[in-house]
Amino acid sequence: MTAAVPFSRRPHPDHQPGDAVRAPRELMSGPGRSWDTEPRWRWVEIRIGGEWRPGRVERWRLHLGSTCWVAMVRWGPETLSWGWYLYDPATIRQTPQPAAASGAAAW
């Protein structure tokens, strides 16, 4: 796999210790209801591939019977630079809105 060949890279960086944890399938498509909501705060840093990356929360989700919030986070302009992650303040932390994003999207 090389970066020079389209679609040859892994869609997500390899998971490193201390990285954000992808939401388990049961919380995303399991039986029962779930509630989607718009984010109350949007701009975050998320730990992916062993490093902090600027990103934005696009949706929150809570599955019926669970106490775990799940956040849909996008961390780059690439099509595959997003995912649903379990919210943990140690791996997803709020940041101030970037100056470039005040009038338009950051990417």
Protein backbone atom coordinates (compact mmCIF):
# COMPACT_ATOMS: atom_id res chain seq x y z
CA MET A 1 0.00 0.00 0.00
CA THR A 2 1.35 3.39 -1.00
CA ALA A 3 0.06 6.93 -0.84
CA ALA A 4 0.81 7.34 -4.58
CA VAL A 5 -1.91 4.85 -5.56
CA PRO A 6 -5.48 6.04 -4.94
CA PHE A 7 -7.44 4.03 -2.38
CA SER A 8 -4.34 2.06 -1.40
CA ARG A 9 -4.06 3.69 2.04
CA ARG A 10 -6.00 2.44 5.02
CA PRO A 11 -9.13 4.56 5.56
CA HIS A 12 -8.17 5.26 9.18
CA PRO A 13 -4.73 5.50 10.77
CA ASP A 14 -3.63 2.53 12.86
CA HIS A 15 -4.99 2.65 16.40
CA GLN A 16 -2.37 3.64 18.98
CA PRO A 17 -2.62 3.45 22.79
CA GLY A 18 -4.49 6.53 24.04
CA ASP A 19 -6.38 7.07 20.76
CA ALA A 20 -10.13 7.74 20.53
CA VAL A 21 -12.14 4.51 20.48
CA ARG A 22 -14.40 3.85 17.53
CA ALA A 23 -18.03 3.31 18.52
CA PRO A 24 -19.02 -0.35 18.71
CA ARG A 25 -21.52 -1.59 16.15
CA GLU A 26 -24.13 -2.24 18.87
CA LEU A 27 -24.35 1.48 19.66
CA MET A 28 -24.69 2.41 16.00
CA SER A 29 -27.06 -0.19 14.59
CA GLY A 30 -28.22 -2.33 17.52
CA PRO A 31 -31.85 -2.95 18.39
CA GLY A 32 -33.87 -0.17 19.94
CA ARG A 33 -33.99 3.58 19.47
CA SER A 34 -31.19 6.06 19.42
CA TRP A 35 -31.30 9.85 19.54
CA ASP A 36 -29.24 11.97 17.19
CA THR A 37 -28.65 15.59 18.12
CA GLU A 38 -26.80 18.57 16.75
CA PRO A 39 -23.56 19.36 18.57
CA ARG A 40 -23.65 21.96 21.34
CA TRP A 41 -19.95 22.51 20.80
CA ARG A 42 -18.35 21.70 17.51
CA TRP A 43 -14.59 22.30 17.36
CA VAL A 44 -12.45 19.60 18.94
CA GLU A 45 -9.09 17.92 18.96
CA ILE A 46 -9.27 14.15 18.56
CA ARG A 47 -6.46 11.70 19.18
CA ILE A 48 -6.11 9.53 16.06
CA GLY A 49 -3.08 7.50 14.97
CA GLY A 50 -1.09 8.55 18.04
CA GLU A 51 -1.45 12.31 17.46
CA TRP A 52 -3.91 15.10 18.17
CA ARG A 53 -5.78 16.33 15.10
CA PRO A 54 -8.10 19.32 14.80
CA GLY A 55 -11.62 18.27 13.95
CA ARG A 56 -15.28 19.04 14.30
CA VAL A 57 -18.18 17.18 15.85
CA GLU A 58 -21.02 16.92 13.35
CA ARG A 59 -23.52 14.81 15.34
CA TRP A 60 -23.98 13.30 18.77
CA ARG A 61 -25.81 10.02 19.35
CA LEU A 62 -27.14 8.29 22.44
CA HIS A 63 -28.51 4.77 22.17
CA LEU A 64 -31.48 3.80 24.33
CA GLY A 65 -30.25 2.10 27.53
CA SER A 66 -26.68 3.34 27.14
CA THR A 67 -24.89 6.08 29.06
CA CYS A 68 -22.17 6.42 26.41
CA TRP A 69 -22.40 9.37 24.04
CA VAL A 70 -21.03 8.78 20.56
CA ALA A 71 -19.70 11.65 18.43
CA MET A 72 -19.35 11.77 14.66
CA VAL A 73 -16.02 13.55 14.21
CA ARG A 74 -14.51 14.78 10.94
CA TRP A 75 -10.80 15.64 11.14
CA GLY A 76 -9.86 16.46 7.57
CA PRO A 77 -11.10 17.23 4.07
CA GLU A 78 -10.56 13.70 2.76
CA THR A 79 -13.65 11.57 2.24
CA LEU A 80 -12.52 8.95 4.75
CA SER A 81 -11.30 11.34 7.48
CA TRP A 82 -14.27 10.87 9.80
CA GLY A 83 -15.82 8.34 12.11
CA TRP A 84 -18.14 7.66 15.05
CA TYR A 85 -16.20 7.63 18.32
CA LEU A 86 -17.06 7.05 21.97
CA TYR A 87 -16.90 10.37 23.76
CA ASP A 88 -14.09 10.49 26.31
CA PRO A 89 -12.64 13.84 27.42
CA ALA A 90 -9.18 12.23 27.39
CA THR A 91 -9.39 11.56 23.63
CA ILE A 92 -11.88 14.15 22.31
CA ARG A 93 -11.48 17.62 23.76
CA GLN A 94 -13.20 20.89 23.01
CA THR A 95 -11.17 23.71 21.44
CA PRO A 96 -12.03 27.30 20.49
CA GLN A 97 -13.45 27.87 17.03
CA PRO A 98 -10.63 28.35 14.49
CA ALA A 99 -10.35 31.91 13.13
CA ALA A 100 -10.61 30.64 9.53
CA ALA A 101 -13.91 28.93 10.30
CA SER A 102 -15.75 31.97 11.64
CA GLY A 103 -17.31 32.80 8.28
CA ALA A 104 -16.88 29.54 6.38
CA ALA A 105 -16.03 25.91 6.96
CA ALA A 106 -12.44 25.14 7.91
CA TRP A 107 -12.26 22.62 5.07
